[in-house]
Amino acid sequence: MTTIIGIKVKNRLESAVEVQAVLTKYGCFIKTRIGLHREINGECSPEGLILLEIINDIEAVEITNELCDIEDVEIQQMKF
């Protein structure tokens, strides 16, 4: 099964370091990572969206659980 995790980081300046630490910890299980953010008047938006393709269901659960513990982070999942 393939799991796609959508991570909305609502305050990138405050949460980015913690989010990156989780992604680094599980880096071997992340097949694809896409980062999206908007530009507002020439400046980066304070919000960001990261899409992950996870190759192992057990790690997908663990990544999701750790990311949910970070303030200003919202998680959504798709499974195929």
Protein backbone atom coordinates (compact mmCIF):
# COMPACT_ATOMS: atom_id res chain seq x y z
CA MET A 1 0.00 0.00 0.00
CA THR A 2 1.15 3.53 -0.75
CA THR A 3 0.54 6.29 1.77
CA ILE A 4 0.58 9.97 0.84
CA ILE A 5 0.89 12.30 3.82
CA GLY A 6 -0.02 15.97 3.45
CA ILE A 7 1.60 18.21 6.05
CA LYS A 8 0.33 21.77 6.44
CA VAL A 9 2.78 23.84 8.46
CA LYS A 10 0.82 26.85 9.63
CA ASN A 11 3.76 28.79 11.07
CA ARG A 12 6.92 27.84 9.16
CA LEU A 13 9.20 30.08 11.20
CA GLU A 14 8.18 28.41 14.48
CA SER A 15 7.67 24.79 13.37
CA ALA A 16 10.06 24.14 10.47
CA VAL A 17 12.96 22.88 12.58
CA GLU A 18 10.82 20.32 14.42
CA VAL A 19 9.14 19.15 11.19
CA GLN A 20 12.51 18.78 9.46
CA ALA A 21 13.85 16.73 12.37
CA VAL A 22 11.00 14.22 11.99
CA LEU A 23 11.45 14.05 8.21
CA THR A 24 15.19 13.48 8.62
CA LYS A 25 14.60 10.73 11.18
CA TYR A 26 12.38 8.83 8.70
CA GLY A 27 14.21 9.87 5.54
CA CYS A 28 14.89 6.28 4.41
CA PHE A 29 11.14 5.60 4.22
CA ILE A 30 10.22 8.73 2.26
CA LYS A 31 10.15 7.87 -1.45
CA THR A 32 8.99 11.30 -2.64
CA ARG A 33 8.92 14.71 -0.95
CA ILE A 34 7.37 17.81 -2.50
CA GLY A 35 7.37 21.16 -0.74
CA LEU A 36 4.90 23.86 -1.74
CA HIS A 37 4.54 27.40 -0.48
CA ARG A 38 3.07 30.62 -1.76
CA GLU A 39 4.77 33.92 -2.34
CA ILE A 40 2.95 37.00 -1.04
CA ASN A 41 4.21 40.36 -2.33
CA GLY A 42 7.70 39.00 -2.94
CA GLU A 43 7.96 37.27 0.44
CA CYS A 44 7.47 33.64 1.43
CA SER A 45 4.14 32.77 2.98
CA PRO A 46 4.23 31.84 6.67
CA GLU A 47 2.37 28.64 5.74
CA GLY A 48 3.74 25.70 3.80
CA LEU A 49 2.54 22.38 2.44
CA ILE A 50 4.67 19.24 2.21
CA LEU A 51 3.58 16.07 0.41
CA LEU A 52 5.28 12.77 1.27
CA GLU A 53 5.06 9.38 -0.39
CA ILE A 54 5.84 6.77 2.28
CA ILE A 55 6.98 3.27 1.31
CA ASN A 56 6.18 1.50 4.59
CA ASP A 57 2.82 1.57 6.39
CA ILE A 58 4.31 1.19 9.87
CA GLU A 59 6.59 4.18 9.39
CA ALA A 60 3.71 6.18 7.88
CA VAL A 61 1.84 5.78 11.18
CA GLU A 62 4.92 6.72 13.21
CA ILE A 63 5.69 9.78 11.08
CA THR A 64 2.07 10.93 11.33
CA ASN A 65 2.01 10.48 15.11
CA GLU A 66 5.22 12.46 15.60
CA LEU A 67 4.14 15.26 13.28
CA CYS A 68 0.74 15.55 15.03
CA ASP A 69 2.59 16.39 18.24
CA ILE A 70 4.10 19.53 16.67
CA GLU A 71 2.18 22.75 17.25
CA ASP A 72 0.77 24.47 14.13
CA VAL A 73 1.00 21.30 12.01
CA GLU A 74 -2.03 19.69 10.37
CA ILE A 75 -1.88 16.21 8.80
CA GLN A 76 -4.03 14.53 6.14
CA GLN A 77 -3.49 11.10 4.57
CA MET A 78 -4.39 9.22 1.40
CA LYS A 79 -3.90 5.49 1.00
CA PHE A 80 -3.82 3.62 -2.31
